[in-house]
Amino acid sequence: MSRAAVPPTTQEVPPSVLRRAIGASAIGNAVEWFDYGVYAYLTTHIAASLFPEGGNGVFYTLLGFALSFLIRPIGGLFWGPLGDKIGRKRVLAMTIILMASATLAVGVIPSYATIGIWAPVLLYACRILQGFSAGGEYGGAATFMAEYAPDKRRGFFGSFLEVGTLVGFTLGNAIALLLVNTLDDTSMQSWGWRLPFLVAAPLGLIGMYLRSRMQDTPVFRELEHENKTEETPGGVFKDLVTRFLRPVLTLFGLVIALNVVNYTLLSYMPTYLQTTLNMEESDALLVPLLGQLVMLFTLPFFGMLSDRIGRRPMWLFSCAALVVAVIPMYLLIGTSLTGAIIGFAVLGLLYAPQLATISATFPAMFPTIVRFAGVAIGYNVATSMFGGTASAINEAIIGATGNNLVPAFYMLGACLIGIVASIFLIETKGLSLRGTEIPGTEESFVEQRELEQERQAELAAASRRE
């Protein structure tokens, strides 16, 4: 056996390879969230084009948004165990192409005036395909990033996955704002809203190229080298249910807090400002654009801070601070454009410690043998139930009650659940993700010592044969 046959640890990955891994992970996230951002920001125009006049087109368009999330658990159940069986890289190459294709297809659906009921049918079909592929994208990208990042800087490097999230969201927002300010309503409803969806095609091809040039993660290759991967995807699912149910439930609680805040604040805000607070469309798009830019530049700082103080304190602080601040900030948002900008920015900054540490926190809750599946399934089930449905639920309850603070109450309740889940979170800052045991447990510490002894013995034997 040559020295090259022994997979490197994450500490030995060259900086150039690490940068490519960050780019390969983040661009898929950017494509995913570009789609969600464009869809959310152009909801009223999509509704006018693809649904009949006089109906509740905005609600049914938001229902299409929710539909893509309801299908995500099926994607997680399919892609997650497969990623733990055949590797992260192969699955991520497939999911980004499917995601980009589904987004592109939305942009070429003929209008309701042209094909009638088939327009919303095709829209929902595209959202189903997008949700199915996204069910493997996020869990895989977070796992890929976490397993490539150095153990002691996993928070910092992992934060760039969420930089990709906000870059995608902000790009979608900026394009929508540009179109709204340069085209009239007739042009927007006939063809203008379609242009951003067409951008997904080149983004998807770039992502596919970057991922195809990467090796799989050192952590997964080490598991393959030792023949410890699950024999079948079904074995991965069985282990999750029988051995790792506690981290799945903990992850479920954290994701409820994360994504109720995320989708209520980032996705639903433009619709909320327009339909509930009667704000001009250009102003309603400007508010999240400015807030997201503020958040974007703070994410690496919060990721780096989590490498120093841990992930658990970051989550506890963020959830508790949002519980205190969300109602006052929503009251401020309702006062004026300036109040909306300030209120959104404050909530965004309080939410950023959660967002920045996702890919350092979630993958570290599971051992390598079930990591992709654990994150993909736990994340997507919670997201489908409480995240992607947030816009439609908020819109429906506001319509039924007339209470403009419904989104604030929804976020507050979710963050209370997040506080409880954070209490059960095992701290993993600086710990290795290698092995078949949950990082941070006593069993994992014992396994790590054994793995390192075996590795040193293999390297020594390889050196003697050279």
Foldseek 3Di string as FASTA:
>chain_A
DALVLAFDALVPDDPVQLVLLLVLLQLLLLLLLLLLLLLLLCLVLLLLFAHDPPDPSSLLSLVLLLLLLLLLLVLLLPQQLVCLFVHLLVLQLVLLQQLLVLLLQLLPQGGCVVVNPVSSVSSSVSSNSNSSSVLQSPLSSLLQSQLNHAQLQSLLSSLSSLLSNLNSNLVSLVLSLVLPVPDDSVCSNHRSSSVSSNVSVVSSVVSSVSSVPHDGGSQSSNCVSVVNADPGSVVLVVCCVPPPVLLLVLLLLQLLLLQLLVCLLRRQQLVLCCVQLVDDSSLSSVQNSLLSVLLSVCLSVLSNVCSVVFLLVLLLQLLVVLLVQLQVLLVQLSPDSVSSNVSSNVNSVSSSNSSSRCSVFQLLQFASNRSSSSCSNSNSVSCSVRHSCSNSVQVVVCVVPVDSCVSSVSSNVSSVSSNVSSVVGQTQNSHRRHDHDRHNDPVVVVVVVVVVVVSVVVSVVSVVVD
